[in-house]
Amino acid sequence: MQEFKKVNIPEGDLIEINNGKPVIGCYPIIGYLRGDGIGIDITPVMQKVVDRAVEKAYGGTKKIAWCQLFAGLQGLQQYGSEFPDETVEAIRYLKIAIKGPYTTPIGEETHVCLHCSNQQYHSGICDKCGNDDGVCERFRSINVRFRQYLDLFACVRPVKYFKGVPAPNKYADKVDFILFRENTEDVYAGFDFECGSDTALAIIQLIKERTGRQIRTDSGIGVKPISVFGTERLVRKAIQWAVDHNLPSVTLVHKGNIMKFTEGSFCKWGYELAKREFDDVTISEKELWDKYDGKIPEGMILIKDRIADSIFQQIQTRPDEYSVLALPNLNGDYLSDAAIALVGGLGLGPGANMSDDIALFEATHGTAPKYTGMDKVNPGSLLLSAVMMLEYMSWGKAAELVIRGIEKSIIDGYVTYDLARLMKREGREDVTEVSCSGFGDSIIDRM
């Protein structure tokens, strides 16, 4: 067993990957990262709910061996770095981990406090919270760096309605699809050049010389790459998900009517991949109507595409036509948040970042530092991400118990303040507002 300086690997079964699938023993070692801010509240709740579901589902014959890992504030305290190399190596070693939210600096200040997210122009004591062990130099997003360092090329976001959650769309109960967003290319791997900079002016001049097109010289310039390699592995993963879960369609979302050789190519390469590697189980929309009169043959998956702006309308007006969507990075960023809003935004929904051999499940919201330690916020995002993790491990019985507990708790009106406020606003009187940990207990009671 590999040894680490700060990470204590507990006794249990190391996870292996065989033909792209995790091999899970009865006592798998799973990494967890508490996260910053409200991570201190939601992560223990997630662990308690998951442990109880596993115990109830398997009668003690299976159990997760949790392995604590450090990043953000805890990384700074343990290693002197908000993004320790050892944490990356430990996740690579363990294969599966789940994490809370992390602070991301957004201003121009040189330093940020990982206790309260305050940004300032000096190190040492935080001007806002007074702590002297949480201020570090500003940095790039911890979440993005995990994706890049571990090559977690697929951001996977399921979106599903829970009965009883106030939702703004009258078709919310028909929403049940999953998004595969490319995680390493497009704007994430792009370059942004300031207006008037030498590089921006050089690109403007080059485009004029090569194409005759004129771009205003007072323009900022952005470049975004989308590759065959990046597209194919993302679409492959999306189609394989549809195969594994017996889903009827995969939709390629793009803006290829305008950007023909980046987003248009994403669509083209996606179709080619489906034809080359999944020809025995996929059909195109043209084949659907030419050969099958619009009816998908049993056991086949329909591969279709939609323009990005159109899909925003269609997930609102006919969401039941979509089951798996594959998207470049920026389109996926927009659409995943819009889709979660359709169903009421329960904890902002679950998420995972995956490669072919590593899966990092995560809370998909911010650190909400003003609520840190108050035992107040909704742990739903991290709980539903844990459900994804259990399903990935093929521990479906435990995953179903967590879902059942969440559904019953909402129906019975035992919810955190955010849902309680919305439910009362819609006229429901039998709502009991509970704490973060109280919501976890309510879920356990209703499994």
Protein backbone atom coordinates (compact mmCIF):
# COMPACT_ATOMS: atom_id res chain seq x y z
CA MET A 1 0.00 0.00 0.00
CA GLN A 2 1.33 3.43 -0.97
CA GLU A 3 2.45 5.69 1.89
CA PHE A 4 1.75 9.40 2.18
CA LYS A 5 3.02 12.12 4.53
CA LYS A 6 -0.31 13.49 5.76
CA VAL A 7 -2.89 11.11 4.33
CA ASN A 8 -3.66 8.11 6.52
CA ILE A 9 -4.99 5.29 4.35
CA PRO A 10 -7.42 3.24 6.48
CA GLU A 11 -7.76 -0.52 6.33
CA GLY A 12 -10.03 -1.56 3.52
CA ASP A 13 -10.18 -2.51 -0.15
CA LEU A 14 -8.33 -0.42 -2.71
CA ILE A 15 -10.44 0.22 -5.80
CA GLU A 16 -9.21 -1.04 -9.15
CA ILE A 17 -10.42 -0.21 -12.65
CA ASN A 18 -11.07 -3.04 -15.08
CA ASN A 19 -12.18 -2.23 -18.65
CA GLY A 20 -13.31 1.21 -17.53
CA LYS A 21 -15.41 -0.10 -14.63
CA PRO A 22 -14.54 0.20 -10.91
CA VAL A 23 -13.96 -3.06 -9.07
CA ILE A 24 -15.43 -2.53 -5.61
CA GLY A 25 -14.79 -4.73 -2.59
CA CYS A 26 -16.98 -4.95 0.51
CA TYR A 27 -14.92 -2.31 2.34
CA PRO A 28 -13.82 0.19 -0.34
CA ILE A 29 -11.54 3.06 0.64
CA ILE A 30 -13.15 6.32 -0.50
CA GLY A 31 -11.45 9.70 -0.25
CA TYR A 32 -13.35 12.67 1.13
CA LEU A 33 -12.47 16.37 1.23
CA ARG A 34 -14.47 18.43 3.70
CA GLY A 35 -14.36 21.65 1.69
CA ASP A 36 -14.32 25.27 2.83
CA GLY A 37 -17.12 27.28 4.44
CA ILE A 38 -20.27 25.19 4.83
CA GLY A 39 -18.30 22.08 3.97
CA ILE A 40 -17.85 21.80 7.74
CA ASP A 41 -21.64 21.33 8.01
CA ILE A 42 -22.68 19.36 4.94
CA THR A 43 -19.84 16.84 4.61
CA PRO A 44 -20.43 15.09 7.98
CA VAL A 45 -24.16 14.93 7.19
CA MET A 46 -23.42 13.31 3.84
CA GLN A 47 -21.16 10.71 5.47
CA LYS A 48 -23.71 9.91 8.18
CA VAL A 49 -26.54 9.44 5.67
CA VAL A 50 -24.41 7.32 3.33
CA ASP A 51 -23.12 5.12 6.16
CA ARG A 52 -26.65 4.51 7.43
CA ALA A 53 -27.95 3.71 3.93
CA VAL A 54 -25.12 1.24 3.31
CA GLU A 55 -25.68 -0.40 6.69
CA LYS A 56 -29.43 -0.70 6.12
CA ALA A 57 -29.06 -1.91 2.53
CA TYR A 58 -26.44 -4.60 3.17
CA GLY A 59 -26.87 -5.51 6.82
CA GLY A 60 -23.28 -4.72 7.77
CA THR A 61 -21.68 -6.85 5.05
CA LYS A 62 -20.48 -3.72 3.26
CA LYS A 63 -19.03 -0.49 4.63
CA ILE A 64 -17.13 2.50 3.28
CA ALA A 65 -13.67 3.13 4.74
CA TRP A 66 -13.50 6.94 4.60
CA CYS A 67 -10.06 8.44 3.94
CA GLN A 68 -9.66 12.13 4.79
CA LEU A 69 -7.89 14.29 2.20
CA PHE A 70 -7.01 17.97 2.41
CA ALA A 71 -7.37 21.02 0.16
CA GLY A 72 -8.49 24.61 0.55
CA LEU A 73 -8.30 25.80 4.17
CA GLN A 74 -7.38 22.36 5.48
CA GLY A 75 -4.73 22.00 2.79
CA LEU A 76 -3.25 25.35 3.81
CA GLN A 77 -3.21 24.31 7.45
CA GLN A 78 -1.77 20.84 6.82
CA TYR A 79 0.65 21.51 3.97
CA GLY A 80 0.98 25.28 3.62
CA SER A 81 -0.79 25.05 0.24
CA GLU A 82 -4.46 25.27 -0.72
CA PHE A 83 -3.82 22.66 -3.43
CA PRO A 84 -1.36 20.04 -2.14
CA ASP A 85 0.33 17.71 -4.61
CA GLU A 86 -0.18 14.83 -2.17
CA THR A 87 -3.96 15.26 -2.30
CA VAL A 88 -3.93 14.94 -6.07
CA GLU A 89 -1.78 11.82 -5.83
CA ALA A 90 -4.04 10.32 -3.17
CA ILE A 91 -7.15 10.79 -5.33
CA ARG A 92 -5.31 9.21 -8.24
CA TYR A 93 -4.40 6.30 -5.95
CA LEU A 94 -7.87 5.81 -4.43
CA LYS A 95 -9.78 6.23 -7.74
CA ILE A 96 -12.96 7.56 -6.07
CA ALA A 97 -13.39 10.64 -3.86
CA ILE A 98 -16.12 13.10 -2.89
CA LYS A 99 -15.63 16.72 -1.91
CA GLY A 100 -17.39 19.71 -0.44
CA PRO A 101 -17.23 23.24 -1.91
CA TYR A 102 -14.06 25.32 -2.19
CA THR A 103 -13.37 29.05 -2.12
CA THR A 104 -12.61 30.63 -5.49
CA PRO A 105 -11.16 34.19 -5.51
CA ILE A 106 -12.94 36.45 -8.01
CA GLY A 107 -11.61 39.97 -7.35
CA GLU A 108 -8.32 41.73 -8.05
CA GLU A 109 -6.97 41.57 -4.50
CA THR A 110 -3.69 39.72 -3.95
CA HIS A 111 -4.83 37.54 -1.02
CA VAL A 112 -7.95 35.65 0.10
CA CYS A 113 -9.04 34.26 3.46
CA LEU A 114 -10.19 30.66 3.22
CA HIS A 115 -12.19 30.97 6.45
CA CYS A 116 -14.56 33.70 5.27
CA SER A 117 -13.67 34.31 1.58
CA ASN A 118 -12.63 37.90 2.34
CA GLN A 119 -10.18 39.30 -0.23
CA GLN A 120 -7.48 41.77 0.74
CA TYR A 121 -4.10 43.14 -0.33
CA HIS A 122 -1.89 41.56 2.34
CA SER A 123 -1.07 38.28 4.07
CA GLY A 124 -1.32 37.55 7.80
CA ILE A 125 -4.47 38.31 9.77
CA CYS A 126 -7.78 38.46 7.90
CA ASP A 127 -9.30 41.96 7.96
CA LYS A 128 -12.81 40.52 8.20
CA CYS A 129 -12.81 37.45 10.47
CA GLY A 130 -9.55 38.02 12.35
CA ASN A 131 -8.15 34.51 11.76
CA ASP A 132 -4.41 34.32 11.17
CA ASP A 133 -4.18 30.82 9.66
CA GLY A 134 -6.36 31.08 6.57
CA VAL A 135 -5.02 33.89 4.38
CA CYS A 136 -3.10 32.88 1.26
CA GLU A 137 -2.14 34.38 -2.05
CA ARG A 138 -4.93 34.45 -4.63
CA PHE A 139 -5.06 31.35 -6.80
CA ARG A 140 -6.84 29.71 -9.68
CA SER A 141 -9.95 27.69 -8.89
CA ILE A 142 -9.27 24.58 -6.81
CA ASN A 143 -12.18 22.84 -8.54
CA VAL A 144 -10.78 23.56 -12.00
CA ARG A 145 -7.29 22.45 -10.99
CA PHE A 146 -8.57 19.08 -9.78
CA ARG A 147 -10.19 18.60 -13.18
CA GLN A 148 -7.05 19.59 -15.03
CA TYR A 149 -4.44 17.80 -12.88
CA LEU A 150 -6.45 14.56 -12.84
CA ASP A 151 -7.67 14.96 -16.45
CA LEU A 152 -11.29 14.68 -15.32
CA PHE A 153 -12.63 15.39 -18.77
CA ALA A 154 -16.35 14.80 -18.13
CA CYS A 155 -18.45 16.95 -15.83
CA VAL A 156 -21.55 14.83 -15.21
CA ARG A 157 -24.73 16.54 -13.91
CA PRO A 158 -27.99 14.59 -13.47
CA VAL A 159 -31.16 16.70 -13.32
CA LYS A 160 -34.34 15.22 -11.89
CA TYR A 161 -37.47 16.57 -10.23
CA PHE A 162 -38.35 15.66 -6.64
CA LYS A 163 -42.05 15.65 -5.81
CA GLY A 164 -42.95 18.44 -3.42
CA VAL A 165 -40.15 20.84 -4.40
CA PRO A 166 -41.58 24.15 -5.65
CA ALA A 167 -40.44 24.48 -9.26
CA PRO A 168 -40.98 27.36 -11.72
CA ASN A 169 -41.74 25.17 -14.74
CA LYS A 170 -45.08 23.39 -15.20
CA TYR A 171 -43.30 20.48 -16.90
CA ALA A 172 -40.80 20.05 -14.05
CA ASP A 173 -42.16 16.59 -13.21
CA LYS A 174 -41.05 15.43 -16.68
CA VAL A 175 -37.42 16.47 -16.15
CA ASP A 176 -35.08 13.49 -15.84
CA PHE A 177 -31.90 13.79 -17.89
CA ILE A 178 -28.15 13.90 -17.43
CA LEU A 179 -25.59 16.29 -18.92
CA PHE A 180 -22.05 15.39 -19.96
CA ARG A 181 -20.05 18.62 -20.18
CA GLU A 182 -16.54 18.56 -21.63
CA ASN A 183 -14.24 19.69 -18.83
CA THR A 184 -10.82 20.43 -20.32
CA GLU A 185 -11.25 22.32 -23.61
CA ASP A 186 -13.28 25.19 -25.07
CA VAL A 187 -13.02 28.26 -22.80
CA TYR A 188 -11.32 26.22 -20.03
CA ALA A 189 -8.31 25.71 -22.30
CA GLY A 190 -8.78 29.01 -24.12
CA PHE A 191 -6.72 32.16 -24.21
CA ASP A 192 -7.98 35.67 -23.62
CA PHE A 193 -5.99 38.66 -24.93
CA GLU A 194 -6.57 42.20 -23.74
CA CYS A 195 -7.77 44.90 -26.10
CA GLY A 196 -4.79 46.75 -27.57
CA SER A 197 -2.24 44.12 -26.51
CA ASP A 198 0.43 43.05 -28.97
CA THR A 199 -1.04 39.55 -29.20
CA ALA A 200 -4.60 40.78 -29.79
CA LEU A 201 -3.44 43.18 -32.51
CA ALA A 202 -1.28 40.48 -34.10
CA ILE A 203 -4.21 38.06 -34.27
CA ILE A 204 -6.44 40.78 -35.76
CA GLN A 205 -3.81 41.50 -38.39
CA LEU A 206 -3.28 37.79 -39.14
CA ILE A 207 -7.01 37.22 -39.65
CA LYS A 208 -7.17 40.21 -41.98
CA GLU A 209 -4.21 38.95 -44.02
CA ARG A 210 -5.45 35.33 -44.24
CA THR A 211 -9.21 35.86 -44.66
CA GLY A 212 -9.77 39.50 -45.53
CA ARG A 213 -12.07 39.86 -42.54
CA GLN A 214 -11.80 43.03 -40.52
CA ILE A 215 -12.03 42.96 -36.71
CA ARG A 216 -12.14 46.26 -34.85
CA THR A 217 -8.72 47.02 -33.44
CA ASP A 218 -10.23 48.02 -30.08
CA SER A 219 -11.37 44.41 -29.53
CA GLY A 220 -10.32 41.92 -26.93
CA ILE A 221 -9.59 38.55 -28.55
CA GLY A 222 -10.43 35.08 -27.28
CA VAL A 223 -9.29 31.72 -28.66
CA LYS A 224 -10.98 28.45 -27.71
CA PRO A 225 -9.80 24.98 -28.79
CA ILE A 226 -12.08 21.99 -29.38
CA SER A 227 -10.26 18.84 -30.49
CA VAL A 228 -11.17 15.50 -32.03
CA PHE A 229 -9.59 13.73 -29.05
CA GLY A 230 -11.45 15.78 -26.42
CA THR A 231 -14.77 15.50 -28.24
CA GLU A 232 -14.59 11.77 -28.85
CA ARG A 233 -13.80 10.73 -25.30
CA LEU A 234 -16.61 12.92 -23.93
CA VAL A 235 -19.19 11.64 -26.43
CA ARG A 236 -17.98 8.06 -25.92
CA LYS A 237 -18.62 8.39 -22.19
CA ALA A 238 -22.08 9.89 -22.76
CA ILE A 239 -23.12 7.12 -25.16
CA GLN A 240 -21.73 4.43 -22.88
CA TRP A 241 -23.80 5.89 -20.03
CA ALA A 242 -26.90 5.64 -22.20
CA VAL A 243 -26.02 2.02 -23.03
CA ASP A 244 -25.35 1.08 -19.40
CA HIS A 245 -28.56 2.71 -18.14
CA ASN A 246 -30.84 1.69 -21.03
CA LEU A 247 -31.63 5.29 -22.01
CA PRO A 248 -33.24 6.15 -25.35
CA SER A 249 -31.18 9.06 -26.71
CA VAL A 250 -27.98 11.09 -26.68
CA THR A 251 -28.18 14.71 -27.85
CA LEU A 252 -25.12 16.61 -29.09
CA VAL A 253 -25.54 20.30 -28.17
CA HIS A 254 -23.55 22.89 -30.13
CA LYS A 255 -23.52 26.26 -31.88
CA GLY A 256 -22.27 24.83 -35.14
CA ASN A 257 -24.51 27.04 -37.27
CA ILE A 258 -22.15 29.92 -36.41
CA MET A 259 -18.88 28.31 -35.21
CA LYS A 260 -18.56 25.57 -37.80
CA PHE A 261 -15.03 24.33 -37.11
CA THR A 262 -15.15 24.22 -33.31
CA GLU A 263 -18.70 23.59 -32.11
CA GLY A 264 -19.82 22.38 -35.52
CA SER A 265 -16.95 19.92 -35.50
CA PHE A 266 -17.94 18.80 -31.99
CA CYS A 267 -21.25 17.72 -33.48
CA LYS A 268 -19.69 16.15 -36.58
CA TRP A 269 -17.04 14.23 -34.64
CA GLY A 270 -19.68 13.06 -32.16
CA TYR A 271 -21.78 11.52 -34.92
CA GLU A 272 -18.71 9.90 -36.45
CA LEU A 273 -17.71 8.40 -33.10
CA ALA A 274 -21.21 6.99 -32.59
CA LYS A 275 -21.19 5.44 -36.06
CA ARG A 276 -17.70 3.98 -35.70
CA GLU A 277 -17.86 2.59 -32.15
CA PHE A 278 -21.57 2.17 -31.36
CA ASP A 279 -23.09 1.38 -34.74
CA ASP A 280 -24.78 -1.75 -33.43
CA VAL A 281 -26.77 0.17 -30.80
CA THR A 282 -27.24 3.70 -32.23
CA ILE A 283 -29.25 5.29 -35.03
CA SER A 284 -29.41 8.87 -36.32
CA GLU A 285 -32.59 10.93 -36.66
CA LYS A 286 -32.43 10.49 -40.44
CA GLU A 287 -32.33 6.73 -40.05
CA LEU A 288 -35.10 6.93 -37.48
CA TRP A 289 -37.52 8.39 -40.02
CA ASP A 290 -36.17 6.79 -43.20
CA LYS A 291 -36.13 3.25 -41.81
CA TYR A 292 -38.29 3.13 -38.68
CA ASP A 293 -41.11 5.64 -39.23
CA GLY A 294 -40.02 7.73 -36.26
CA LYS A 295 -40.13 4.91 -33.71
CA ILE A 296 -36.90 3.97 -31.96
CA PRO A 297 -36.33 0.20 -32.28
CA GLU A 298 -36.09 -1.65 -28.99
CA GLY A 299 -32.57 -1.67 -27.60
CA MET A 300 -31.36 1.16 -29.85
CA ILE A 301 -30.21 4.66 -28.87
CA LEU A 302 -31.08 7.71 -30.94
CA ILE A 303 -28.16 10.08 -31.63
CA LYS A 304 -29.40 13.59 -32.39
CA ASP A 305 -28.16 17.16 -32.17
CA ARG A 306 -29.63 20.51 -31.18
CA ILE A 307 -28.42 24.10 -31.51
CA ALA A 308 -27.40 25.50 -28.11
CA ASP A 309 -29.92 28.37 -27.96
CA SER A 310 -32.74 26.05 -29.04
CA ILE A 311 -32.05 23.50 -26.31
CA PHE A 312 -32.68 26.10 -23.61
CA GLN A 313 -36.22 26.41 -24.90
CA GLN A 314 -36.76 22.71 -25.45
CA ILE A 315 -35.77 21.58 -21.95
CA GLN A 316 -38.51 23.90 -20.71
CA THR A 317 -41.26 22.98 -23.16
CA ARG A 318 -40.61 19.27 -23.78
CA PRO A 319 -37.95 18.03 -21.35
CA ASP A 320 -39.07 14.40 -21.57
CA GLU A 321 -37.59 14.21 -25.09
CA TYR A 322 -34.07 14.27 -23.63
CA SER A 323 -32.22 11.70 -21.56
CA VAL A 324 -28.45 12.26 -22.13
CA LEU A 325 -26.93 15.50 -23.45
CA ALA A 326 -23.28 15.93 -24.48
CA LEU A 327 -21.93 19.47 -24.67
CA PRO A 328 -18.74 21.50 -25.05
CA ASN A 329 -17.58 23.27 -21.92
CA LEU A 330 -19.27 26.68 -22.06
CA ASN A 331 -22.63 25.42 -23.35
CA GLY A 332 -22.58 22.78 -20.63
CA ASP A 333 -21.83 25.37 -17.96
CA TYR A 334 -24.85 27.45 -18.91
CA LEU A 335 -27.26 24.62 -19.52
CA SER A 336 -26.51 22.66 -16.34
CA ASP A 337 -27.37 25.61 -14.10
CA ALA A 338 -30.47 26.46 -16.13
CA ALA A 339 -31.63 22.85 -15.99
CA ILE A 340 -31.26 22.65 -12.20
CA ALA A 341 -33.40 25.78 -11.88
CA LEU A 342 -36.19 24.00 -13.80
CA VAL A 343 -36.66 21.54 -10.95
CA GLY A 344 -36.38 24.03 -8.10
CA GLY A 345 -32.63 23.84 -7.57
CA LEU A 346 -32.59 21.28 -4.74
CA GLY A 347 -29.24 22.08 -3.17
CA LEU A 348 -28.22 23.13 -6.71
CA GLY A 349 -28.10 19.53 -7.81
CA PRO A 350 -25.46 16.79 -7.85
CA GLY A 351 -22.31 16.53 -9.91
CA ALA A 352 -19.20 14.52 -10.65
CA ASN A 353 -15.99 14.99 -12.60
CA MET A 354 -14.76 11.82 -14.26
CA SER A 355 -11.99 10.41 -16.39
CA ASP A 356 -11.81 6.82 -17.58
CA ASP A 357 -10.38 5.68 -14.24
CA ILE A 358 -11.02 8.41 -11.64
CA ALA A 359 -14.31 9.82 -10.33
CA LEU A 360 -14.47 12.91 -8.10
CA PHE A 361 -17.99 13.64 -6.86
CA GLU A 362 -18.75 17.12 -5.55
CA ALA A 363 -21.08 19.71 -4.12
CA THR A 364 -21.97 21.98 -7.05
CA HIS A 365 -22.42 25.21 -5.09
CA GLY A 366 -20.28 27.76 -3.30
CA THR A 367 -18.94 27.89 0.25
CA ALA A 368 -21.59 30.32 1.65
CA PRO A 369 -19.17 31.51 4.38
CA LYS A 370 -21.80 33.54 6.24
CA TYR A 371 -23.51 30.25 7.14
CA THR A 372 -20.35 28.36 8.12
CA GLY A 373 -20.82 26.32 11.27
CA MET A 374 -24.46 27.35 11.68
CA ASP A 375 -25.84 23.87 10.80
CA LYS A 376 -28.33 25.62 8.54
CA VAL A 377 -27.80 25.00 4.85
CA ASN A 378 -29.29 22.39 2.56
CA PRO A 379 -26.89 19.43 2.12
CA GLY A 380 -28.89 18.19 -0.89
CA SER A 381 -26.24 18.75 -3.55
CA LEU A 382 -23.59 16.72 -1.74
CA LEU A 383 -26.13 14.03 -0.75
CA LEU A 384 -27.26 13.59 -4.34
CA SER A 385 -23.64 13.53 -5.48
CA ALA A 386 -23.11 10.73 -2.96
CA VAL A 387 -26.05 8.93 -4.58
CA MET A 388 -24.21 9.21 -7.89
CA MET A 389 -21.12 7.80 -6.18
CA LEU A 390 -23.04 4.81 -4.79
CA GLU A 391 -24.53 4.13 -8.21
CA TYR A 392 -21.06 4.36 -9.78
CA MET A 393 -19.94 1.76 -7.23
CA SER A 394 -22.92 -0.44 -8.22
CA TRP A 395 -24.30 -0.07 -4.70
CA GLY A 396 -27.71 0.79 -6.11
CA LYS A 397 -29.67 -0.49 -3.13
CA ALA A 398 -28.00 2.03 -0.82
CA ALA A 399 -28.44 4.80 -3.39
CA GLU A 400 -32.17 4.06 -3.60
CA LEU A 401 -32.50 4.32 0.18
CA VAL A 402 -30.95 7.80 0.18
CA ILE A 403 -33.26 8.91 -2.63
CA ARG A 404 -36.25 7.44 -0.81
CA GLY A 405 -35.31 9.28 2.38
CA ILE A 406 -34.92 12.59 0.55
CA GLU A 407 -38.22 12.18 -1.30
CA LYS A 408 -40.17 11.30 1.84
CA SER A 409 -38.61 14.08 3.89
CA ILE A 410 -39.63 16.64 1.27
CA ILE A 411 -43.14 15.21 0.93
CA ASP A 412 -43.54 15.23 4.72
CA GLY A 413 -42.33 18.84 4.83
CA TYR A 414 -39.18 18.30 6.91
CA VAL A 415 -36.76 20.53 5.00
CA THR A 416 -34.03 23.14 5.45
CA TYR A 417 -34.76 26.86 5.44
CA ASP A 418 -34.38 27.38 1.68
CA LEU A 419 -37.03 24.83 0.73
CA ALA A 420 -39.20 25.74 3.73
CA ARG A 421 -39.36 29.35 2.54
CA LEU A 422 -40.38 28.35 -0.98
CA MET A 423 -42.91 25.78 0.17
CA LYS A 424 -44.57 28.22 2.58
CA ARG A 425 -44.66 30.87 -0.12
CA GLU A 426 -46.70 28.48 -2.25
CA GLY A 427 -49.23 28.06 0.54
CA ARG A 428 -48.10 24.88 2.23
CA GLU A 429 -48.69 25.14 5.98
CA ASP A 430 -47.42 21.78 7.26
CA VAL A 431 -43.73 22.60 6.79
CA THR A 432 -41.18 22.02 9.55
CA GLU A 433 -37.91 23.89 9.06
CA VAL A 434 -34.99 21.74 10.18
CA SER A 435 -31.24 22.23 10.40
CA CYS A 436 -28.67 20.76 8.03
CA SER A 437 -28.02 17.84 10.37
CA GLY A 438 -31.75 17.63 11.14
CA PHE A 439 -32.45 17.14 7.44
CA GLY A 440 -29.92 14.32 7.41
CA ASP A 441 -31.63 12.71 10.41
CA SER A 442 -35.02 13.12 8.75
CA ILE A 443 -33.70 11.35 5.64
CA ILE A 444 -32.31 8.49 7.73
CA ASP A 445 -35.62 8.12 9.60
CA ARG A 446 -37.47 7.80 6.29
CA MET A 447 -35.22 5.36 4.44
